[in-house]
PDB file of all heavy atoms in Angstrom:
ATOM      1  N   VAL A   1       0.849  -1.196   0.009  1.00  0.00           N
ATOM      2  CA  VAL A   1       0.000   0.007   0.000  1.00  0.00           C
ATOM      3  C   VAL A   1       0.873   1.248  -0.006  1.00  0.00           C
ATOM      4  O   VAL A   1       0.664   2.172  -0.767  1.00  0.00           O
ATOM      5  CB  VAL A   1      -0.961   0.008   1.204  1.00  0.00           C
ATOM      6  CG1 VAL A   1      -1.690   1.331   1.310  1.00  0.00           C
ATOM      7  CG2 VAL A   1      -1.981  -1.129   1.071  1.00  0.00           C
ATOM      8  N   SER A   2       1.896   1.260   0.857  1.00  0.00           N
ATOM      9  CA  SER A   2       2.700   2.471   0.999  1.00  0.00           C
ATOM     10  C   SER A   2       3.472   2.804  -0.264  1.00  0.00           C
ATOM     11  O   SER A   2       3.704   3.975  -0.577  1.00  0.00           O
ATOM     12  CB  SER A   2       3.672   2.331   2.176  1.00  0.00           C
ATOM     13  OG  SER A   2       4.691   1.378   1.885  1.00  0.00           O
ATOM     14  N   ARG A   3       3.893   1.776  -1.038  1.00  0.00           N
ATOM     15  CA  ARG A   3       4.689   2.058  -2.215  1.00  0.00           C
ATOM     16  C   ARG A   3       3.887   2.682  -3.364  1.00  0.00           C
ATOM     17  O   ARG A   3       4.441   3.145  -4.347  1.00  0.00           O
ATOM     18  CB  ARG A   3       5.371   0.796  -2.710  1.00  0.00           C
ATOM     19  CG  ARG A   3       4.421  -0.218  -3.333  1.00  0.00           C
ATOM     20  CD  ARG A   3       5.153  -1.467  -3.832  1.00  0.00           C
ATOM     21  NE  ARG A   3       4.241  -2.384  -4.481  1.00  0.00           N
ATOM     22  CZ  ARG A   3       4.634  -3.516  -5.073  1.00  0.00           C
ATOM     23  NH1 ARG A   3       5.902  -3.861  -5.068  1.00  0.00           N
ATOM     24  NH2 ARG A   3       3.743  -4.296  -5.639  1.00  0.00           N
ATOM     25  N   THR A   4       2.550   2.661  -3.223  1.00  0.00           N
ATOM     26  CA  THR A   4       1.714   3.240  -4.290  1.00  0.00           C
ATOM     27  C   THR A   4       1.498   4.729  -4.114  1.00  0.00           C
ATOM     28  O   THR A   4       0.944   5.390  -4.993  1.00  0.00           O
ATOM     29  CB  THR A   4       0.341   2.548  -4.321  1.00  0.00           C
ATOM     30  OG1 THR A   4      -0.383   2.877  -3.129  1.00  0.00           O
ATOM     31  CG2 THR A   4       0.470   1.050  -4.450  1.00  0.00           C
ATOM     32  N   LEU A   5       1.858   5.277  -2.943  1.00  0.00           N
ATOM     33  CA  LEU A   5       1.562   6.686  -2.670  1.00  0.00           C
ATOM     34  C   LEU A   5       2.330   7.574  -3.624  1.00  0.00           C
ATOM     35  O   LEU A   5       3.541   7.463  -3.772  1.00  0.00           O
ATOM     36  CB  LEU A   5       1.925   7.012  -1.210  1.00  0.00           C
ATOM     37  CG  LEU A   5       1.117   6.296  -0.146  1.00  0.00           C
ATOM     38  CD1 LEU A   5       1.658   6.612   1.231  1.00  0.00           C
ATOM     39  CD2 LEU A   5      -0.346   6.688  -0.238  1.00  0.00           C
ATOM     40  N   ILE A   6       1.638   8.483  -4.246  1.00  0.00           N
ATOM     41  CA  ILE A   6       2.275   9.407  -5.174  1.00  0.00           C
ATOM     42  C   ILE A   6       2.899  10.540  -4.389  1.00  0.00           C
ATOM     43  O   ILE A   6       2.611  10.735  -3.190  1.00  0.00           O
ATOM     44  CB  ILE A   6       1.285   9.960  -6.239  1.00  0.00           C
ATOM     45  CG1 ILE A   6       0.237  10.856  -5.546  1.00  0.00           C
ATOM     46  CG2 ILE A   6       0.626   8.829  -6.979  1.00  0.00           C
ATOM     47  CD1 ILE A   6      -0.626  11.594  -6.531  1.00  0.00           C
ATOM     48  N   ALA A   7       3.775  11.320  -5.015  1.00  0.00           N
ATOM     49  CA  ALA A   7       4.417  12.444  -4.366  1.00  0.00           C
ATOM     50  C   ALA A   7       3.437  13.621  -4.305  1.00  0.00           C
ATOM     51  O   ALA A   7       2.917  14.059  -5.330  1.00  0.00           O
ATOM     52  CB  ALA A   7       5.662  12.853  -5.141  1.00  0.00           C
ATOM     53  N   SER A   8       3.168  14.096  -3.090  1.00  0.00           N
ATOM     54  CA  SER A   8       2.213  15.180  -2.938  1.00  0.00           C
ATOM     55  C   SER A   8       2.800  16.253  -2.015  1.00  0.00           C
ATOM     56  O   SER A   8       3.786  16.014  -1.308  1.00  0.00           O
ATOM     57  CB  SER A   8       0.900  14.676  -2.342  1.00  0.00           C
ATOM     58  OG  SER A   8       1.081  14.284  -0.986  1.00  0.00           O
ATOM     59  N   LEU A   9       2.178  17.415  -2.035  1.00  0.00           N
ATOM     60  CA  LEU A   9       2.651  18.546  -1.250  1.00  0.00           C
ATOM     61  C   LEU A   9       1.474  19.409  -0.851  1.00  0.00           C
ATOM     62  O   LEU A   9       0.460  19.434  -1.537  1.00  0.00           O
ATOM     63  CB  LEU A   9       3.662  19.373  -2.073  1.00  0.00           C
ATOM     64  CG  LEU A   9       4.799  20.081  -1.317  1.00  0.00           C
ATOM     65  CD1 LEU A   9       5.647  19.058  -0.561  1.00  0.00           C
ATOM     66  CD2 LEU A   9       5.682  20.846  -2.305  1.00  0.00           C
ATOM     67  N   ASN A  10       1.596  20.109   0.269  1.00  0.00           N
ATOM     68  CA  ASN A  10       0.521  20.955   0.739  1.00  0.00           C
ATOM     69  C   ASN A  10       0.555  22.303   0.032  1.00  0.00           C
ATOM     70  O   ASN A  10       0.879  23.353   0.626  1.00  0.00           O
ATOM     71  CB  ASN A  10       0.636  21.148   2.279  1.00  0.00           C
ATOM     72  CG  ASN A  10      -0.445  22.044   2.829  1.00  0.00           C
ATOM     73  OD1 ASN A  10      -1.557  22.103   2.278  1.00  0.00           O
ATOM     74  ND2 ASN A  10      -0.146  22.763   3.892  1.00  0.00           N
ATOM     75  N   VAL A  11       0.296  22.275  -1.256  1.00  0.00           N
ATOM     76  CA  VAL A  11       0.262  23.495  -2.081  1.00  0.00           C
ATOM     77  C   VAL A  11      -0.912  23.398  -3.036  1.00  0.00           C
ATOM     78  O   VAL A  11      -1.394  22.309  -3.318  1.00  0.00           O
ATOM     79  CB  VAL A  11       1.585  23.674  -2.882  1.00  0.00           C
ATOM     80  CG1 VAL A  11       2.762  23.884  -1.975  1.00  0.00           C
ATOM     81  CG2 VAL A  11       1.801  22.472  -3.812  1.00  0.00           C
ATOM     82  N   GLU A  12      -1.308  24.522  -3.542  1.00  0.00           N
ATOM     83  CA  GLU A  12      -2.425  24.536  -4.511  1.00  0.00           C
ATOM     84  C   GLU A  12      -1.888  24.068  -5.853  1.00  0.00           C
ATOM     85  O   GLU A  12      -0.853  24.518  -6.299  1.00  0.00           O
ATOM     86  CB  GLU A  12      -3.020  25.941  -4.633  1.00  0.00           C
ATOM     87  CG  GLU A  12      -4.252  26.017  -5.508  1.00  0.00           C
ATOM     88  CD  GLU A  12      -4.824  27.421  -5.512  1.00  0.00           C
ATOM     89  OE1 GLU A  12      -5.551  27.775  -4.588  1.00  0.00           O
ATOM     90  OE2 GLU A  12      -4.503  28.162  -6.463  1.00  0.00           O
ATOM     91  N   GLY A  13      -2.577  23.181  -6.522  1.00  0.00           N
ATOM     92  CA  GLY A  13      -2.142  22.696  -7.820  1.00  0.00           C
ATOM     93  C   GLY A  13      -2.187  21.191  -7.897  1.00  0.00           C
ATOM     94  O   GLY A  13      -2.769  20.516  -7.032  1.00  0.00           O
ATOM     95  N   ASP A  14      -1.508  20.613  -8.904  1.00  0.00           N
ATOM     96  CA  ASP A  14      -1.600  19.176  -9.130  1.00  0.00           C
ATOM     97  C   ASP A  14      -0.768  18.369  -8.151  1.00  0.00           C
ATOM     98  O   ASP A  14      -0.786  17.138  -8.205  1.00  0.00           O
ATOM     99  CB  ASP A  14      -1.206  18.833 -10.563  1.00  0.00           C
ATOM    100  CG  ASP A  14       0.224  19.223 -10.913  1.00  0.00           C
ATOM    101  OD1 ASP A  14       0.892  19.762 -10.027  1.00  0.00           O
ATOM    102  OD2 ASP A  14       0.638  18.997 -12.058  1.00  0.00           O
ATOM    103  N   ARG A  15      -0.010  19.002  -7.263  1.00  0.00           N
ATOM    104  CA  ARG A  15       0.713  18.272  -6.200  1.00  0.00           C
ATOM    105  C   ARG A  15      -0.138  18.086  -4.946  1.00  0.00           C
ATOM    106  O   ARG A  15       0.223  17.380  -4.047  1.00  0.00           O
ATOM    107  CB  ARG A  15       1.991  19.015  -5.829  1.00  0.00           C
ATOM    108  CG  ARG A  15       3.103  18.860  -6.827  1.00  0.00           C
ATOM    109  CD  ARG A  15       3.810  17.538  -6.672  1.00  0.00           C
ATOM    110  NE  ARG A  15       4.722  17.311  -7.780  1.00  0.00           N
ATOM    111  CZ  ARG A  15       4.393  16.672  -8.869  1.00  0.00           C
ATOM    112  NH1 ARG A  15       3.179  16.154  -8.995  1.00  0.00           N
ATOM    113  NH2 ARG A  15       5.268  16.524  -9.837  1.00  0.00           N
ATOM    114  N   GLN A  16      -1.313  18.729  -4.896  1.00  0.00           N
ATOM    115  CA  GLN A  16      -2.146  18.684  -3.693  1.00  0.00           C
ATOM    116  C   GLN A  16      -3.053  17.465  -3.712  1.00  0.00           C
ATOM    117  O   GLN A  16      -3.807  17.252  -4.667  1.00  0.00           O
ATOM    118  CB  GLN A  16      -2.967  19.956  -3.586  1.00  0.00           C
ATOM    119  CG  GLN A  16      -3.717  20.097  -2.259  1.00  0.00           C
ATOM    120  CD  GLN A  16      -4.433  21.417  -2.163  1.00  0.00           C
ATOM    121  OE1 GLN A  16      -5.113  21.824  -3.094  1.00  0.00           O
ATOM    122  NE2 GLN A  16      -4.298  22.122  -1.023  1.00  0.00           N
ATOM    123  N   VAL A  17      -2.967  16.644  -2.688  1.00  0.00           N
ATOM    124  CA  VAL A  17      -3.833  15.480  -2.520  1.00  0.00           C
ATOM    125  C   VAL A  17      -4.440  15.516  -1.136  1.00  0.00           C
ATOM    126  O   VAL A  17      -3.788  15.133  -0.148  1.00  0.00           O
ATOM    127  CB  VAL A  17      -3.055  14.179  -2.738  1.00  0.00           C
ATOM    128  CG1 VAL A  17      -3.966  12.965  -2.531  1.00  0.00           C
ATOM    129  CG2 VAL A  17      -2.420  14.120  -4.111  1.00  0.00           C
ATOM    130  N   PRO A  18      -5.671  16.015  -0.982  1.00  0.00           N
ATOM    131  CA  PRO A  18      -6.278  16.142   0.350  1.00  0.00           C
ATOM    132  C   PRO A  18      -6.300  14.836   1.145  1.00  0.00           C
ATOM    133  O   PRO A  18      -6.175  14.848   2.365  1.00  0.00           O
ATOM    134  CB  PRO A  18      -7.692  16.634   0.034  1.00  0.00           C
ATOM    135  CG  PRO A  18      -7.543  17.359  -1.268  1.00  0.00           C
ATOM    136  CD  PRO A  18      -6.526  16.587  -2.045  1.00  0.00           C
ATOM    137  N   LEU A  19      -6.456  13.696   0.455  1.00  0.00           N
ATOM    138  CA  LEU A  19      -6.511  12.431   1.182  1.00  0.00           C
ATOM    139  C   LEU A  19      -5.188  12.129   1.866  1.00  0.00           C
ATOM    140  O   LEU A  19      -5.138  11.521   2.931  1.00  0.00           O
ATOM    141  CB  LEU A  19      -6.896  11.286   0.228  1.00  0.00           C
ATOM    142  CG  LEU A  19      -7.122   9.905   0.858  1.00  0.00           C
ATOM    143  CD1 LEU A  19      -8.098   9.999   2.024  1.00  0.00           C
ATOM    144  CD2 LEU A  19      -7.598   8.917  -0.181  1.00  0.00           C
ATOM    145  N   HIS A  20      -4.065  12.571   1.255  1.00  0.00           N
ATOM    146  CA  HIS A  20      -2.760  12.403   1.910  1.00  0.00           C
ATOM    147  C   HIS A  20      -2.685  13.230   3.177  1.00  0.00           C
ATOM    148  O   HIS A  20      -2.142  12.797   4.200  1.00  0.00           O
ATOM    149  CB  HIS A  20      -1.644  12.810   0.960  1.00  0.00           C
ATOM    150  CG  HIS A  20      -1.341  11.775  -0.069  1.00  0.00           C
ATOM    151  ND1 HIS A  20      -0.314  11.887  -0.967  1.00  0.00           N
ATOM    152  CD2 HIS A  20      -1.959  10.595  -0.379  1.00  0.00           C
ATOM    153  CE1 HIS A  20      -0.281  10.830  -1.769  1.00  0.00           C
ATOM    154  NE2 HIS A  20      -1.280  10.045  -1.423  1.00  0.00           N
ATOM    155  N   ASP A  21      -3.228  14.475   3.120  1.00  0.00           N
ATOM    156  CA  ASP A  21      -3.243  15.318   4.300  1.00  0.00           C
ATOM    157  C   ASP A  21      -4.066  14.650   5.415  1.00  0.00           C
ATOM    158  O   ASP A  21      -3.712  14.702   6.591  1.00  0.00           O
ATOM    159  CB  ASP A  21      -3.809  16.697   3.959  1.00  0.00           C
ATOM    160  CG  ASP A  21      -2.854  17.508   3.112  1.00  0.00           C
ATOM    161  OD1 ASP A  21      -1.674  17.613   3.509  1.00  0.00           O
ATOM    162  OD2 ASP A  21      -3.255  18.022   2.097  1.00  0.00           O
ATOM    163  N   TYR A  22      -5.175  14.048   5.027  1.00  0.00           N
ATOM    164  CA  TYR A  22      -6.017  13.359   6.029  1.00  0.00           C
ATOM    165  C   TYR A  22      -5.255  12.204   6.671  1.00  0.00           C
ATOM    166  O   TYR A  22      -5.270  12.025   7.888  1.00  0.00           O
ATOM    167  CB  TYR A  22      -7.298  12.848   5.366  1.00  0.00           C
ATOM    168  CG  TYR A  22      -8.211  12.095   6.310  1.00  0.00           C
ATOM    169  CD1 TYR A  22      -9.030  12.798   7.201  1.00  0.00           C
ATOM    170  CD2 TYR A  22      -8.227  10.726   6.321  1.00  0.00           C
ATOM    171  CE1 TYR A  22      -9.847  12.118   8.087  1.00  0.00           C
ATOM    172  CE2 TYR A  22      -9.039  10.021   7.187  1.00  0.00           C
ATOM    173  CZ  TYR A  22      -9.856  10.732   8.081  1.00  0.00           C
ATOM    174  OH  TYR A  22     -10.656  10.071   8.939  1.00  0.00           O
ATOM    175  N   LEU A  23      -4.550  11.394   5.852  1.00  0.00           N
ATOM    176  CA  LEU A  23      -3.771  10.280   6.377  1.00  0.00           C
ATOM    177  C   LEU A  23      -2.710  10.787   7.333  1.00  0.00           C
ATOM    178  O   LEU A  23      -2.477  10.222   8.399  1.00  0.00           O
ATOM    179  CB  LEU A  23      -3.134   9.488   5.235  1.00  0.00           C
ATOM    180  CG  LEU A  23      -4.061   8.696   4.324  1.00  0.00           C
ATOM    181  CD1 LEU A  23      -3.276   8.058   3.191  1.00  0.00           C
ATOM    182  CD2 LEU A  23      -4.823   7.646   5.080  1.00  0.00           C
ATOM    183  N   GLY A  24      -2.020  11.878   6.938  1.00  0.00           N
ATOM    184  CA  GLY A  24      -0.972  12.426   7.770  1.00  0.00           C
ATOM    185  C   GLY A  24      -1.515  12.915   9.129  1.00  0.00           C
ATOM    186  O   GLY A  24      -0.858  12.735  10.158  1.00  0.00           O
ATOM    187  N   ARG A  25      -2.724  13.450   9.117  1.00  0.00           N
ATOM    188  CA  ARG A  25      -3.328  13.914  10.373  1.00  0.00           C
ATOM    189  C   ARG A  25      -3.766  12.717  11.237  1.00  0.00           C
ATOM    190  O   ARG A  25      -3.569  12.718  12.451  1.00  0.00           O
ATOM    191  CB  ARG A  25      -4.538  14.803  10.069  1.00  0.00           C
ATOM    192  CG  ARG A  25      -4.189  16.135   9.429  1.00  0.00           C
ATOM    193  CD  ARG A  25      -3.532  17.068  10.423  1.00  0.00           C
ATOM    194  NE  ARG A  25      -4.462  17.481  11.484  1.00  0.00           N
ATOM    195  CZ  ARG A  25      -5.291  18.531  11.413  1.00  0.00           C
ATOM    196  NH1 ARG A  25      -5.284  19.274  10.337  1.00  0.00           N
ATOM    197  NH2 ARG A  25      -6.097  18.827  12.407  1.00  0.00           N
ATOM    198  N   VAL A  26      -4.355  11.698  10.626  1.00  0.00           N
ATOM    199  CA  VAL A  26      -4.777  10.515  11.372  1.00  0.00           C
ATOM    200  C   VAL A  26      -3.588   9.831  12.003  1.00  0.00           C
ATOM    201  O   VAL A  26      -3.624   9.364  13.155  1.00  0.00           O
ATOM    202  CB  VAL A  26      -5.556   9.549  10.466  1.00  0.00           C
ATOM    203  CG1 VAL A  26      -5.794   8.224  11.175  1.00  0.00           C
ATOM    204  CG2 VAL A  26      -6.878  10.153  10.055  1.00  0.00           C
ATOM    205  N   LEU A  27      -2.467   9.755  11.263  1.00  0.00           N
ATOM    206  CA  LEU A  27      -1.261   9.086  11.758  1.00  0.00           C
ATOM    207  C   LEU A  27      -0.475   9.980  12.714  1.00  0.00           C
ATOM    208  O   LEU A  27       0.535   9.526  13.280  1.00  0.00           O
ATOM    209  CB  LEU A  27      -0.368   8.681  10.594  1.00  0.00           C
ATOM    210  CG  LEU A  27      -0.900   7.534   9.732  1.00  0.00           C
ATOM    211  CD1 LEU A  27      -0.166   7.477   8.407  1.00  0.00           C
ATOM    212  CD2 LEU A  27      -0.775   6.227  10.464  1.00  0.00           C
ATOM    213  N   GLU A  28      -0.893  11.227  12.876  1.00  0.00           N
ATOM    214  CA  GLU A  28      -0.212  12.175  13.757  1.00  0.00           C
ATOM    215  C   GLU A  28       1.296  12.241  13.455  1.00  0.00           C
ATOM    216  O   GLU A  28       2.139  12.146  14.342  1.00  0.00           O
ATOM    217  CB  GLU A  28      -0.436  11.789  15.221  1.00  0.00           C
ATOM    218  CG  GLU A  28      -1.902  11.867  15.654  1.00  0.00           C
ATOM    219  CD  GLU A  28      -2.104  11.570  17.126  1.00  0.00           C
ATOM    220  OE1 GLU A  28      -1.524  10.572  17.590  1.00  0.00           O
ATOM    221  OE2 GLU A  28      -2.842  12.304  17.779  1.00  0.00           O
ATOM    222  N   ILE A  29       1.590  12.384  12.184  1.00  0.00           N
ATOM    223  CA  ILE A  29       2.996  12.417  11.751  1.00  0.00           C
ATOM    224  C   ILE A  29       3.668  13.681  12.261  1.00  0.00           C
ATOM    225  O   ILE A  29       3.181  14.793  12.039  1.00  0.00           O
ATOM    226  CB  ILE A  29       3.112  12.322  10.227  1.00  0.00           C
ATOM    227  CG1 ILE A  29       2.585  10.972   9.752  1.00  0.00           C
ATOM    228  CG2 ILE A  29       4.547  12.529   9.767  1.00  0.00           C
ATOM    229  CD1 ILE A  29       2.594  10.792   8.258  1.00  0.00           C
ATOM    230  N   ASP A  30       4.782  13.496  12.917  1.00  0.00           N
ATOM    231  CA  ASP A  30       5.599  14.650  13.404  1.00  0.00           C
ATOM    232  C   ASP A  30       6.594  14.977  12.306  1.00  0.00           C
ATOM    233  O   ASP A  30       7.698  14.435  12.261  1.00  0.00           O
ATOM    234  CB  ASP A  30       6.298  14.244  14.707  1.00  0.00           C
ATOM    235  CG  ASP A  30       7.107  15.398  15.308  1.00  0.00           C
ATOM    236  OD1 ASP A  30       7.106  16.479  14.693  1.00  0.00           O
ATOM    237  OD2 ASP A  30       7.717  15.189  16.353  1.00  0.00           O
ATOM    238  N   MET A  31       6.232  15.879  11.407  1.00  0.00           N
ATOM    239  CA  MET A  31       7.071  16.174  10.249  1.00  0.00           C
ATOM    240  C   MET A  31       8.432  16.690  10.676  1.00  0.00           C
ATOM    241  O   MET A  31       9.467  16.381  10.031  1.00  0.00           O
ATOM    242  CB  MET A  31       6.364  17.224   9.349  1.00  0.00           C
ATOM    243  CG  MET A  31       7.140  17.596   8.104  1.00  0.00           C
ATOM    244  SD  MET A  31       7.488  16.186   7.032  1.00  0.00           S
ATOM    245  CE  MET A  31       5.854  15.806   6.467  1.00  0.00           C
ATOM    246  N   ALA A  32       8.499  17.494  11.746  1.00  0.00           N
ATOM    247  CA  ALA A  32       9.792  18.050  12.159  1.00  0.00           C
ATOM    248  C   ALA A  32      10.774  16.971  12.609  1.00  0.00           C
ATOM    249  O   ALA A  32      11.989  17.177  12.558  1.00  0.00           O
ATOM    250  CB  ALA A  32       9.568  19.072  13.279  1.00  0.00           C
ATOM    251  N   ALA A  33      10.264  15.834  13.067  1.00  0.00           N
ATOM    252  CA  ALA A  33      11.125  14.748  13.486  1.00  0.00           C
ATOM    253  C   ALA A  33      11.745  14.005  12.320  1.00  0.00           C
ATOM    254  O   ALA A  33      12.779  13.343  12.467  1.00  0.00           O
ATOM    255  CB  ALA A  33      10.356  13.761  14.373  1.00  0.00           C
ATOM    256  N   TRP A  34      11.127  14.150  11.141  1.00  0.00           N
ATOM    257  CA  TRP A  34      11.574  13.379   9.986  1.00  0.00           C
ATOM    258  C   TRP A  34      12.201  14.221   8.902  1.00  0.00           C
ATOM    259  O   TRP A  34      12.893  13.705   8.018  1.00  0.00           O
ATOM    260  CB  TRP A  34      10.374  12.623   9.374  1.00  0.00           C
ATOM    261  CG  TRP A  34       9.946  11.518  10.255  1.00  0.00           C
ATOM    262  CD1 TRP A  34       8.940  11.516  11.166  1.00  0.00           C
ATOM    263  CD2 TRP A  34      10.541  10.221  10.365  1.00  0.00           C
ATOM    264  NE1 TRP A  34       8.861  10.310  11.829  1.00  0.00           N
ATOM    265  CE2 TRP A  34       9.848   9.512  11.325  1.00  0.00           C
ATOM    266  CE3 TRP A  34      11.604   9.600   9.708  1.00  0.00           C
ATOM    267  CZ2 TRP A  34      10.148   8.208  11.688  1.00  0.00           C
ATOM    268  CZ3 TRP A  34      11.929   8.316  10.042  1.00  0.00           C
ATOM    269  CH2 TRP A  34      11.194   7.628  11.012  1.00  0.00           C
ATOM    270  N   TRP A  35      11.977  15.517   8.912  1.00  0.00           N
ATOM    271  CA  TRP A  35      12.531  16.364   7.854  1.00  0.00           C
ATOM    272  C   TRP A  35      12.853  17.744   8.429  1.00  0.00           C
ATOM    273  O   TRP A  35      12.028  18.355   9.090  1.00  0.00           O
ATOM    274  CB  TRP A  35      11.517  16.532   6.716  1.00  0.00           C
ATOM    275  CG  TRP A  35      12.044  17.326   5.566  1.00  0.00           C
ATOM    276  CD1 TRP A  35      12.754  16.850   4.494  1.00  0.00           C
ATOM    277  CD2 TRP A  35      11.886  18.742   5.352  1.00  0.00           C
ATOM    278  NE1 TRP A  35      13.049  17.867   3.619  1.00  0.00           N
ATOM    279  CE2 TRP A  35      12.538  19.054   4.113  1.00  0.00           C
ATOM    280  CE3 TRP A  35      11.302  19.777   6.046  1.00  0.00           C
ATOM    281  CZ2 TRP A  35      12.582  20.341   3.598  1.00  0.00           C
ATOM    282  CZ3 TRP A  35      11.336  21.060   5.546  1.00  0.00           C
ATOM    283  CH2 TRP A  35      11.995  21.340   4.330  1.00  0.00           C
TER     284      TRP A  35
END
């Protein structure tokens, strides 16, 4: 499942995937710890 995720970003345009943002929020990803 994880290898199918496309590259997305929190910007307006074709890089924006709201479902990815939802997954990130549900998983409580600490972005600062990883990047």
